Amino acid sequence: MFDSGLGGLTVYREINKARPDARFVYVADDAGFPYGAMEQGRLATRVLALMEHLIEAHDPDLIVIACNTASTIVLPSLRARFEVPFVGTVPAIKPACAASRTKRVSVLGTQATVQREYTRALIREFAAGCEVTLVGSARLAALAEAELRGGPAEDAAIAAELIPCFVENAARTDTIVLACTHYPLLIDRLERLASWPVRFIDPAPAIARRVVGLLGPAEAGAPSAAASAMFTAGRDLSAALLAALSRFGVGEIAAIEAFDTPSLSA
């Protein structure tokens, strides 16, 4: 499980429900967070080099890129370079547009994700007559990270990032795509601060189904396996964060050796 930070825990949670017998290694490249602020070429070089190190160290059966920004930029290169299967995370525009009754959908992502041609191509292919509003948030991922680390975000700060998703013209927005894995960490707050009731689309359950499709279901009676987490920087591993990781079922915490080699430098 790979992400720039802690958002991928929302994806890990769903996959772990489906395959509790699997041994998970959660990798947070917190030295490079946030990926949306990094130049595209540097990000690709960084992720490819880091992935080479991780594959050599852990020999995984499958890798989940639990990050929209990394998936839209690096996934084709990862699949071309490595034999291990990769499952990516992309904005859930197709199911959102299929589910919308008012045909008004908003995509809430990082500024980098909503600006990608990949995202716009998904809209052209799957909008199915929906009016899609792209909302790029500069702060929401960092607010989610801060809250998980024990520094609660103010409602006003979260609402400022969320409210542009609510569009009312001939009809109201009724579906919002959470196009960053960090955002479901704040789902209770997002639902409470919504301008009116909407459906929030979290891609994690679909990613879990894809993983099971590739690896197969859990064996009957198989015991649950432990999960570990690795950080490239390990900044601010507060008691609150360690408690949060424990609630997600993550126990052992470690640093990634050699993360500060020139090929991985931020």
C-alpha atoms as a PDB file:
ATOM      1  CA  MET A   1       0.000   0.000   0.000  1.00  0.00           C
ATOM      2  CA  PHE A   2       1.648   3.225  -1.156  1.00  0.00           C
ATOM      3  CA  ASP A   3       0.702   6.877  -0.682  1.00  0.00           C
ATOM      4  CA  SER A   4       2.397  10.212  -0.169  1.00  0.00           C
ATOM      5  CA  GLY A   5       1.003  10.288   3.344  1.00  0.00           C
ATOM      6  CA  LEU A   6      -1.806   8.832   5.414  1.00  0.00           C
ATOM      7  CA  GLY A   7      -4.743   9.025   3.015  1.00  0.00           C
ATOM      8  CA  GLY A   8      -4.085   5.517   1.743  1.00  0.00           C
ATOM      9  CA  LEU A   9      -5.178   4.220   5.131  1.00  0.00           C
ATOM     10  CA  THR A  10      -8.765   4.675   3.921  1.00  0.00           C
ATOM     11  CA  VAL A  11      -8.010   2.269   1.059  1.00  0.00           C
ATOM     12  CA  TYR A  12      -6.085  -0.121   3.299  1.00  0.00           C
ATOM     13  CA  ARG A  13      -9.080  -0.275   5.655  1.00  0.00           C
ATOM     14  CA  GLU A  14     -11.362  -1.587   2.895  1.00  0.00           C
ATOM     15  CA  ILE A  15      -8.844  -4.036   1.462  1.00  0.00           C
ATOM     16  CA  ASN A  16      -8.081  -5.385   4.918  1.00  0.00           C
ATOM     17  CA  LYS A  17     -11.787  -6.104   5.426  1.00  0.00           C
ATOM     18  CA  ALA A  18     -11.746  -8.236   2.281  1.00  0.00           C
ATOM     19  CA  ARG A  19      -8.356  -9.885   2.833  1.00  0.00           C
ATOM     20  CA  PRO A  20      -7.627  -9.841   6.576  1.00  0.00           C
ATOM     21  CA  ASP A  21      -5.271 -12.780   6.046  1.00  0.00           C
ATOM     22  CA  ALA A  22      -2.924 -10.768   3.821  1.00  0.00           C
ATOM     23  CA  ARG A  23       0.301  -9.298   5.170  1.00  0.00           C
ATOM     24  CA  PHE A  24       0.205  -5.566   4.462  1.00  0.00           C
ATOM     25  CA  VAL A  25       3.068  -3.104   4.352  1.00  0.00           C
ATOM     26  CA  TYR A  26       1.805   0.465   4.294  1.00  0.00           C
ATOM     27  CA  VAL A  27       4.333   2.917   2.851  1.00  0.00           C
ATOM     28  CA  ALA A  28       3.962   6.675   3.361  1.00  0.00           C
ATOM     29  CA  ASP A  29       6.352   8.883   1.407  1.00  0.00           C
ATOM     30  CA  ASP A  30       5.919  11.704   3.892  1.00  0.00           C
ATOM     31  CA  ALA A  31       9.271  13.183   2.868  1.00  0.00           C
ATOM     32  CA  GLY A  32       7.633  14.001  -0.476  1.00  0.00           C
ATOM     33  CA  PHE A  33       4.199  15.069   0.817  1.00  0.00           C
ATOM     34  CA  PRO A  34       2.219  16.660  -0.744  1.00  0.00           C
ATOM     35  CA  TYR A  35       2.680  15.120  -4.190  1.00  0.00           C
ATOM     36  CA  GLY A  36       0.426  17.716  -5.786  1.00  0.00           C
ATOM     37  CA  ALA A  37       3.049  20.388  -5.144  1.00  0.00           C
ATOM     38  CA  MET A  38       5.848  18.428  -6.845  1.00  0.00           C
ATOM     39  CA  GLU A  39       6.842  18.891 -10.492  1.00  0.00           C
ATOM     40  CA  GLN A  40       5.566  15.983 -12.571  1.00  0.00           C
ATOM     41  CA  GLY A  41       8.947  14.736 -13.813  1.00  0.00           C
ATOM     42  CA  ARG A  42      10.485  14.827 -10.329  1.00  0.00           C
ATOM     43  CA  LEU A  43       7.508  12.964  -8.923  1.00  0.00           C
ATOM     44  CA  ALA A  44       7.786  10.212 -11.529  1.00  0.00           C
ATOM     45  CA  THR A  45      11.522   9.807 -10.903  1.00  0.00           C
ATOM     46  CA  ARG A  46      11.002   9.730  -7.157  1.00  0.00           C
ATOM     47  CA  VAL A  47       8.206   7.156  -7.152  1.00  0.00           C
ATOM     48  CA  LEU A  48       9.947   4.843  -9.642  1.00  0.00           C
ATOM     49  CA  ALA A  49      13.163   4.846  -7.615  1.00  0.00           C
ATOM     50  CA  LEU A  50      11.359   4.362  -4.320  1.00  0.00           C
ATOM     51  CA  MET A  51       9.244   1.546  -5.772  1.00  0.00           C
ATOM     52  CA  GLU A  52      12.348  -0.248  -7.035  1.00  0.00           C
ATOM     53  CA  HIS A  53      13.743  -0.150  -3.503  1.00  0.00           C
ATOM     54  CA  LEU A  54      10.482  -1.388  -1.964  1.00  0.00           C
ATOM     55  CA  ILE A  55       9.991  -4.239  -4.424  1.00  0.00           C
ATOM     56  CA  GLU A  56      13.528  -5.474  -3.837  1.00  0.00           C
ATOM     57  CA  ALA A  57      13.036  -5.315  -0.068  1.00  0.00           C
ATOM     58  CA  HIS A  58       9.568  -6.858   0.202  1.00  0.00           C
ATOM     59  CA  ASP A  59       8.886  -8.900  -2.976  1.00  0.00           C
ATOM     60  CA  PRO A  60       5.141  -8.099  -2.890  1.00  0.00           C
ATOM     61  CA  ASP A  61       2.414 -10.045  -4.686  1.00  0.00           C
ATOM     62  CA  LEU A  62       0.610  -6.801  -5.521  1.00  0.00           C
ATOM     63  CA  ILE A  63       1.047  -3.060  -5.007  1.00  0.00           C
ATOM     64  CA  VAL A  64      -1.775  -0.579  -4.497  1.00  0.00           C
ATOM     65  CA  ILE A  65      -0.993   3.022  -5.400  1.00  0.00           C
ATOM     66  CA  ALA A  66      -3.460   4.620  -2.986  1.00  0.00           C
ATOM     67  CA  CYS A  67      -2.943   8.125  -4.335  1.00  0.00           C
ATOM     68  CA  ASN A  68      -4.786   9.800  -7.217  1.00  0.00           C
ATOM     69  CA  THR A  69      -1.913  12.129  -8.123  1.00  0.00           C
ATOM     70  CA  ALA A  70       0.697   9.373  -8.254  1.00  0.00           C
ATOM     71  CA  SER A  71      -1.661   7.054 -10.137  1.00  0.00           C
ATOM     72  CA  THR A  72      -2.499   9.556 -12.859  1.00  0.00           C
ATOM     73  CA  ILE A  73       1.167  10.429 -13.402  1.00  0.00           C
ATOM     74  CA  VAL A  74       3.260   7.331 -12.722  1.00  0.00           C
ATOM     75  CA  LEU A  75       1.061   4.232 -13.058  1.00  0.00           C
ATOM     76  CA  PRO A  76       1.828   3.533 -16.749  1.00  0.00           C
ATOM     77  CA  SER A  77       5.582   3.792 -16.084  1.00  0.00           C
ATOM     78  CA  LEU A  78       5.337   1.509 -13.048  1.00  0.00           C
ATOM     79  CA  ARG A  79       3.488  -1.149 -15.025  1.00  0.00           C
ATOM     80  CA  ALA A  80       5.986  -0.931 -17.869  1.00  0.00           C
ATOM     81  CA  ARG A  81       9.009  -1.238 -15.604  1.00  0.00           C
ATOM     82  CA  PHE A  82       7.972  -3.835 -13.014  1.00  0.00           C
ATOM     83  CA  GLU A  83       6.341  -7.241 -13.340  1.00  0.00           C
ATOM     84  CA  VAL A  84       4.391  -7.057 -10.074  1.00  0.00           C
ATOM     85  CA  PRO A  85       0.710  -6.084 -10.592  1.00  0.00           C
ATOM     86  CA  PHE A  86      -0.276  -2.531  -9.698  1.00  0.00           C
ATOM     87  CA  VAL A  87      -3.742  -1.309  -8.718  1.00  0.00           C
ATOM     88  CA  GLY A  88      -4.169   2.439  -9.029  1.00  0.00           C
ATOM     89  CA  THR A  89      -6.578   5.031  -7.683  1.00  0.00           C
ATOM     90  CA  VAL A  90      -8.341   7.351 -10.106  1.00  0.00           C
ATOM     91  CA  PRO A  91     -11.323   9.698  -9.694  1.00  0.00           C
ATOM     92  CA  ALA A  92     -14.556   7.649  -9.535  1.00  0.00           C
ATOM     93  CA  ILE A  93     -16.279   9.735 -12.203  1.00  0.00           C
ATOM     94  CA  LYS A  94     -18.010   6.853 -13.991  1.00  0.00           C
ATOM     95  CA  PRO A  95     -19.916   5.463 -10.965  1.00  0.00           C
ATOM     96  CA  ALA A  96     -20.668   8.970  -9.693  1.00  0.00           C
ATOM     97  CA  CYS A  97     -22.261  10.052 -12.960  1.00  0.00           C
ATOM     98  CA  ALA A  98     -24.156   6.775 -13.201  1.00  0.00           C
ATOM     99  CA  ALA A  99     -25.547   7.304  -9.683  1.00  0.00           C
ATOM    100  CA  SER A 100     -26.449  10.986  -9.999  1.00  0.00           C
ATOM    101  CA  ARG A 101     -30.158  11.727 -10.331  1.00  0.00           C
ATOM    102  CA  THR A 102     -29.839  15.483 -10.856  1.00  0.00           C
ATOM    103  CA  LYS A 103     -26.976  15.034 -13.352  1.00  0.00           C
ATOM    104  CA  ARG A 104     -24.883  17.456 -11.321  1.00  0.00           C
ATOM    105  CA  VAL A 105     -21.611  15.963 -10.061  1.00  0.00           C
ATOM    106  CA  SER A 106     -18.591  17.598  -8.430  1.00  0.00           C
ATOM    107  CA  VAL A 107     -15.077  16.141  -8.313  1.00  0.00           C
ATOM    108  CA  LEU A 108     -13.210  17.236  -5.186  1.00  0.00           C
ATOM    109  CA  GLY A 109      -9.502  16.552  -5.530  1.00  0.00           C
ATOM    110  CA  THR A 110      -6.125  18.131  -5.131  1.00  0.00           C
ATOM    111  CA  GLN A 111      -5.301  20.958  -7.498  1.00  0.00           C
ATOM    112  CA  ALA A 112      -2.914  18.627  -9.323  1.00  0.00           C
ATOM    113  CA  THR A 113      -5.518  15.885  -9.831  1.00  0.00           C
ATOM    114  CA  VAL A 114      -8.278  18.114 -11.183  1.00  0.00           C
ATOM    115  CA  GLN A 115      -5.842  19.792 -13.590  1.00  0.00           C
ATOM    116  CA  ARG A 116      -4.658  16.498 -15.114  1.00  0.00           C
ATOM    117  CA  GLU A 117      -5.704  15.652 -18.654  1.00  0.00           C
ATOM    118  CA  TYR A 118      -6.373  12.132 -17.320  1.00  0.00           C
ATOM    119  CA  THR A 119      -9.206  13.479 -15.161  1.00  0.00           C
ATOM    120  CA  ARG A 120     -10.684  15.491 -18.011  1.00  0.00           C
ATOM    121  CA  ALA A 121     -10.526  12.446 -20.271  1.00  0.00           C
ATOM    122  CA  LEU A 122     -12.546  10.481 -17.703  1.00  0.00           C
ATOM    123  CA  ILE A 123     -15.183  13.205 -17.775  1.00  0.00           C
ATOM    124  CA  ARG A 124     -15.345  13.190 -21.586  1.00  0.00           C
ATOM    125  CA  GLU A 125     -15.736   9.413 -21.611  1.00  0.00           C
ATOM    126  CA  PHE A 126     -18.012   8.788 -18.638  1.00  0.00           C
ATOM    127  CA  ALA A 127     -19.972  11.982 -17.846  1.00  0.00           C
ATOM    128  CA  ALA A 128     -23.062  10.454 -19.513  1.00  0.00           C
ATOM    129  CA  GLY A 129     -24.842  13.770 -19.798  1.00  0.00           C
ATOM    130  CA  CYS A 130     -23.818  15.022 -16.361  1.00  0.00           C
ATOM    131  CA  GLU A 131     -22.560  18.503 -15.649  1.00  0.00           C
ATOM    132  CA  VAL A 132     -19.262  17.920 -13.830  1.00  0.00           C
ATOM    133  CA  THR A 133     -17.657  20.604 -11.677  1.00  0.00           C
ATOM    134  CA  LEU A 134     -13.950  20.233 -10.899  1.00  0.00           C
ATOM    135  CA  VAL A 135     -12.907  21.585  -7.493  1.00  0.00           C
ATOM    136  CA  GLY A 136      -9.199  21.689  -6.688  1.00  0.00           C
ATOM    137  CA  SER A 137      -8.455  21.928  -2.976  1.00  0.00           C
ATOM    138  CA  ALA A 138      -5.133  23.348  -1.868  1.00  0.00           C
ATOM    139  CA  ARG A 139      -5.535  22.466   1.821  1.00  0.00           C
ATOM    140  CA  LEU A 140      -7.900  19.581   2.461  1.00  0.00           C
ATOM    141  CA  ALA A 141      -5.316  16.767   2.289  1.00  0.00           C
ATOM    142  CA  ALA A 142      -3.059  18.609   4.726  1.00  0.00           C
ATOM    143  CA  LEU A 143      -6.028  19.259   7.034  1.00  0.00           C
ATOM    144  CA  ALA A 144      -6.836  15.537   7.039  1.00  0.00           C
ATOM    145  CA  GLU A 145      -3.197  14.684   7.794  1.00  0.00           C
ATOM    146  CA  ALA A 146      -3.079  17.209  10.624  1.00  0.00           C
ATOM    147  CA  GLU A 147      -6.262  15.869  12.197  1.00  0.00           C
ATOM    148  CA  LEU A 148      -5.013  12.281  12.125  1.00  0.00           C
ATOM    149  CA  ARG A 149      -1.790  13.427  13.765  1.00  0.00           C
ATOM    150  CA  GLY A 150      -3.718  15.012  16.628  1.00  0.00           C
ATOM    151  CA  GLY A 151      -4.157  18.589  15.449  1.00  0.00           C
ATOM    152  CA  PRO A 152      -7.909  19.035  14.836  1.00  0.00           C
ATOM    153  CA  ALA A 153      -8.819  21.145  11.806  1.00  0.00           C
ATOM    154  CA  GLU A 154     -11.335  23.942  12.224  1.00  0.00           C
ATOM    155  CA  ASP A 155     -14.761  23.473  10.651  1.00  0.00           C
ATOM    156  CA  ALA A 156     -14.394  26.779   8.826  1.00  0.00           C
ATOM    157  CA  ALA A 157     -11.177  25.633   7.133  1.00  0.00           C
ATOM    158  CA  ILE A 158     -12.761  22.371   5.947  1.00  0.00           C
ATOM    159  CA  ALA A 159     -15.957  24.106   4.822  1.00  0.00           C
ATOM    160  CA  ALA A 160     -13.984  26.626   2.749  1.00  0.00           C
ATOM    161  CA  GLU A 161     -12.536  23.751   0.702  1.00  0.00           C
ATOM    162  CA  LEU A 162     -15.853  21.881   0.429  1.00  0.00           C
ATOM    163  CA  ILE A 163     -18.465  24.557  -0.335  1.00  0.00           C
ATOM    164  CA  PRO A 164     -17.388  25.165  -4.001  1.00  0.00           C
ATOM    165  CA  CYS A 165     -18.600  21.614  -4.732  1.00  0.00           C
ATOM    166  CA  PHE A 166     -22.203  22.679  -4.157  1.00  0.00           C
ATOM    167  CA  VAL A 167     -23.589  24.116  -7.384  1.00  0.00           C
ATOM    168  CA  GLU A 168     -27.200  25.186  -7.769  1.00  0.00           C
ATOM    169  CA  ASN A 169     -28.477  26.300 -11.153  1.00  0.00           C
ATOM    170  CA  ALA A 170     -31.226  24.362 -12.935  1.00  0.00           C
ATOM    171  CA  ALA A 171     -30.536  21.536 -10.479  1.00  0.00           C
ATOM    172  CA  ARG A 172     -28.435  20.933  -7.380  1.00  0.00           C
ATOM    173  CA  THR A 173     -25.275  18.906  -7.071  1.00  0.00           C
ATOM    174  CA  ASP A 174     -26.237  15.541  -5.604  1.00  0.00           C
ATOM    175  CA  THR A 175     -22.975  13.551  -5.889  1.00  0.00           C
ATOM    176  CA  ILE A 176     -19.391  14.451  -4.930  1.00  0.00           C
ATOM    177  CA  VAL A 177     -16.400  12.349  -5.952  1.00  0.00           C
ATOM    178  CA  LEU A 178     -13.698  12.241  -3.277  1.00  0.00           C
ATOM    179  CA  ALA A 179     -10.735  12.256  -5.656  1.00  0.00           C
ATOM    180  CA  CYS A 180      -8.075  12.123  -2.960  1.00  0.00           C
ATOM    181  CA  THR A 181      -7.687   9.217  -0.560  1.00  0.00           C
ATOM    182  CA  HIS A 182      -7.117  11.651   2.312  1.00  0.00           C
ATOM    183  CA  TYR A 183     -10.615  13.076   2.109  1.00  0.00           C
ATOM    184  CA  PRO A 184     -12.555  10.061   3.485  1.00  0.00           C
ATOM    185  CA  LEU A 185     -10.568  10.562   6.696  1.00  0.00           C
ATOM    186  CA  LEU A 186     -12.817  13.614   7.161  1.00  0.00           C
ATOM    187  CA  ILE A 187     -16.070  12.063   5.933  1.00  0.00           C
ATOM    188  CA  ASP A 188     -18.009  12.751   9.146  1.00  0.00           C
ATOM    189  CA  ARG A 189     -17.027  16.408   8.965  1.00  0.00           C
ATOM    190  CA  LEU A 190     -17.752  16.641   5.237  1.00  0.00           C
ATOM    191  CA  GLU A 191     -21.242  15.224   5.705  1.00  0.00           C
ATOM    192  CA  ARG A 192     -21.951  17.590   8.589  1.00  0.00           C
ATOM    193  CA  LEU A 193     -20.629  20.666   6.761  1.00  0.00           C
ATOM    194  CA  ALA A 194     -22.364  19.935   3.450  1.00  0.00           C
ATOM    195  CA  SER A 195     -24.622  22.708   2.134  1.00  0.00           C
ATOM    196  CA  TRP A 196     -27.308  20.081   1.522  1.00  0.00           C
ATOM    197  CA  PRO A 197     -27.403  16.262   1.561  1.00  0.00           C
ATOM    198  CA  VAL A 198     -25.278  14.667  -1.156  1.00  0.00           C
ATOM    199  CA  ARG A 199     -23.730  11.283  -1.882  1.00  0.00           C
ATOM    200  CA  PHE A 200     -19.962  11.192  -1.354  1.00  0.00           C
ATOM    201  CA  ILE A 201     -18.206   8.620  -3.564  1.00  0.00           C
ATOM    202  CA  ASP A 202     -15.221   6.939  -1.898  1.00  0.00           C
ATOM    203  CA  PRO A 203     -13.197   4.781  -4.339  1.00  0.00           C
ATOM    204  CA  ALA A 204     -11.833   2.469  -1.631  1.00  0.00           C
ATOM    205  CA  PRO A 205     -14.519  -0.266  -1.826  1.00  0.00           C
ATOM    206  CA  ALA A 206     -14.033  -0.564  -5.596  1.00  0.00           C
ATOM    207  CA  ILE A 207     -10.261  -0.795  -5.148  1.00  0.00           C
ATOM    208  CA  ALA A 208     -10.760  -3.555  -2.579  1.00  0.00           C
ATOM    209  CA  ARG A 209     -12.914  -5.492  -5.053  1.00  0.00           C
ATOM    210  CA  ARG A 210     -10.211  -5.137  -7.689  1.00  0.00           C
ATOM    211  CA  VAL A 211      -7.561  -6.453  -5.307  1.00  0.00           C
ATOM    212  CA  VAL A 212      -9.688  -9.480  -4.456  1.00  0.00           C
ATOM    213  CA  GLY A 213     -10.275 -10.036  -8.158  1.00  0.00           C
ATOM    214  CA  LEU A 214      -6.516 -10.213  -8.727  1.00  0.00           C
ATOM    215  CA  LEU A 215      -5.438 -12.109  -5.604  1.00  0.00           C
ATOM    216  CA  GLY A 216      -8.556 -14.110  -4.863  1.00  0.00           C
ATOM    217  CA  PRO A 217     -10.644 -14.125  -1.674  1.00  0.00           C
ATOM    218  CA  ALA A 218      -9.343 -14.847   1.790  1.00  0.00           C
ATOM    219  CA  GLU A 219      -8.998 -18.500   2.683  1.00  0.00           C
ATOM    220  CA  ALA A 220     -11.707 -19.747   5.007  1.00  0.00           C
ATOM    221  CA  GLY A 221     -10.494 -19.840   8.582  1.00  0.00           C
ATOM    222  CA  ALA A 222      -7.204 -18.114   7.798  1.00  0.00           C
ATOM    223  CA  PRO A 223      -5.980 -15.994  10.737  1.00  0.00           C
ATOM    224  CA  SER A 224      -5.669 -12.243  10.415  1.00  0.00           C
ATOM    225  CA  ALA A 225      -2.183 -11.038   9.602  1.00  0.00           C
ATOM    226  CA  ALA A 226      -0.333  -8.118  11.129  1.00  0.00           C
ATOM    227  CA  ALA A 227       0.246  -4.889   9.213  1.00  0.00           C
ATOM    228  CA  SER A 228       3.264  -2.619   9.376  1.00  0.00           C
ATOM    229  CA  ALA A 229       3.882   0.951   8.250  1.00  0.00           C
ATOM    230  CA  MET A 230       6.999   2.571   6.828  1.00  0.00           C
ATOM    231  CA  PHE A 231       7.755   6.286   6.461  1.00  0.00           C
ATOM    232  CA  THR A 232      10.384   7.977   4.321  1.00  0.00           C
ATOM    233  CA  ALA A 233      10.764  10.812   6.835  1.00  0.00           C
ATOM    234  CA  GLY A 234       8.850   9.779   9.941  1.00  0.00           C
ATOM    235  CA  ARG A 235       8.083  13.356  10.886  1.00  0.00           C
ATOM    236  CA  ASP A 236       5.733  14.007  13.785  1.00  0.00           C
ATOM    237  CA  LEU A 237       5.036  10.404  14.764  1.00  0.00           C
ATOM    238  CA  SER A 238       2.965  11.702  17.656  1.00  0.00           C
ATOM    239  CA  ALA A 239       1.131   9.617  20.222  1.00  0.00           C
ATOM    240  CA  ALA A 240      -2.116  10.617  18.489  1.00  0.00           C
ATOM    241  CA  LEU A 241      -0.854   9.321  15.135  1.00  0.00           C
ATOM    242  CA  LEU A 242       0.415   6.066  16.624  1.00  0.00           C
ATOM    243  CA  ALA A 243      -2.986   5.580  18.258  1.00  0.00           C
ATOM    244  CA  ALA A 244      -4.715   6.277  14.940  1.00  0.00           C
ATOM    245  CA  LEU A 245      -2.502   3.749  13.141  1.00  0.00           C
ATOM    246  CA  SER A 246      -3.343   1.214  15.827  1.00  0.00           C
ATOM    247  CA  ARG A 247      -7.071   1.815  15.252  1.00  0.00           C
ATOM    248  CA  PHE A 248      -6.514   1.028  11.580  1.00  0.00           C
ATOM    249  CA  GLY A 249      -4.798  -2.196  12.611  1.00  0.00           C
ATOM    250  CA  VAL A 250      -1.247  -1.070  11.865  1.00  0.00           C
ATOM    251  CA  GLY A 251       1.309  -2.099  14.463  1.00  0.00           C
ATOM    252  CA  GLU A 252       5.020  -2.038  13.648  1.00  0.00           C
ATOM    253  CA  ILE A 253       6.398   1.330  12.486  1.00  0.00           C
ATOM    254  CA  ALA A 254       9.721   1.746  10.679  1.00  0.00           C
ATOM    255  CA  ALA A 255      11.739   4.109   8.518  1.00  0.00           C
ATOM    256  CA  ILE A 256      12.654   3.226   4.938  1.00  0.00           C
ATOM    257  CA  GLU A 257      16.353   2.611   4.691  1.00  0.00           C
ATOM    258  CA  ALA A 258      18.224   4.663   2.077  1.00  0.00           C
ATOM    259  CA  PHE A 259      15.212   6.868   1.364  1.00  0.00           C
ATOM    260  CA  ASP A 260      17.512   9.890   1.237  1.00  0.00           C
ATOM    261  CA  THR A 261      19.676   8.667  -1.640  1.00  0.00           C
ATOM    262  CA  PRO A 262      20.023  11.204  -4.478  1.00  0.00           C
ATOM    263  CA  SER A 263      17.437   9.407  -6.637  1.00  0.00           C
ATOM    264  CA  LEU A 264      14.847   9.753  -3.889  1.00  0.00           C
ATOM    265  CA  SER A 265      15.609  13.223  -2.626  1.00  0.00           C
ATOM    266  CA  ALA A 266      12.635  15.568  -2.539  1.00  0.00           C
END
